[in-house]
Amino acid sequence: MCCGPYRVVSLMSREAADALNLKAGVVAVASIKATNVVVEVAQ
């Protein structure tokens, strides 16, 4: 994920990425707290 000049990197299972239908260029939101990252996409 890109956030301004920053790049956010997190590990995610293939199944989770498929369930969210994540692909390059899809707009997603990441909620970050310490070492936990939650990724969501708009419905």
Protein backbone atom coordinates (compact mmCIF):
# COMPACT_ATOMS: atom_id res chain seq x y z
CA MET A 1 0.00 0.00 0.00
CA CYS A 2 1.14 3.54 -0.67
CA CYS A 3 0.31 6.36 1.72
CA GLY A 4 1.66 9.65 0.44
CA PRO A 5 5.42 9.25 0.12
CA TYR A 6 5.33 6.12 2.35
CA ARG A 7 4.90 2.46 1.53
CA VAL A 8 3.06 0.25 4.04
CA VAL A 9 4.01 -3.43 3.91
CA SER A 10 2.18 -6.26 5.68
CA LEU A 11 1.87 -10.03 5.25
CA MET A 12 -1.53 -11.30 4.15
CA SER A 13 -2.66 -14.77 3.10
CA ARG A 14 -3.60 -15.42 -0.53
CA GLU A 15 -7.09 -16.41 0.67
CA ALA A 16 -7.56 -13.07 2.49
CA ALA A 17 -6.41 -11.07 -0.55
CA ASP A 18 -8.75 -13.06 -2.79
CA ALA A 19 -11.67 -12.59 -0.38
CA LEU A 20 -11.13 -8.80 -0.51
CA ASN A 21 -10.62 -8.96 -4.29
CA LEU A 22 -7.35 -7.03 -3.88
CA LYS A 23 -5.39 -6.32 -7.03
CA ALA A 24 -2.86 -3.67 -8.06
CA GLY A 25 -4.60 -0.30 -8.28
CA VAL A 26 -7.58 -1.17 -6.02
CA VAL A 27 -8.26 1.53 -3.41
CA ALA A 28 -8.11 0.05 0.10
CA VAL A 29 -7.93 1.38 3.65
CA ALA A 30 -5.48 0.13 6.29
CA SER A 31 -6.07 0.64 10.01
CA ILE A 32 -2.72 0.33 11.77
CA LYS A 33 -2.13 -0.14 15.50
CA ALA A 34 1.34 -1.19 16.60
CA THR A 35 2.10 -4.43 14.73
CA ASN A 36 -1.51 -5.15 13.69
CA VAL A 37 -2.82 -4.07 10.28
CA VAL A 38 -6.47 -4.38 9.17
CA VAL A 39 -7.13 -3.93 5.43
CA GLU A 40 -10.59 -3.08 4.08
CA VAL A 41 -12.02 -2.21 0.67
CA ALA A 42 -15.15 -0.20 -0.12
CA GLN A 43 -18.23 -2.26 -0.97
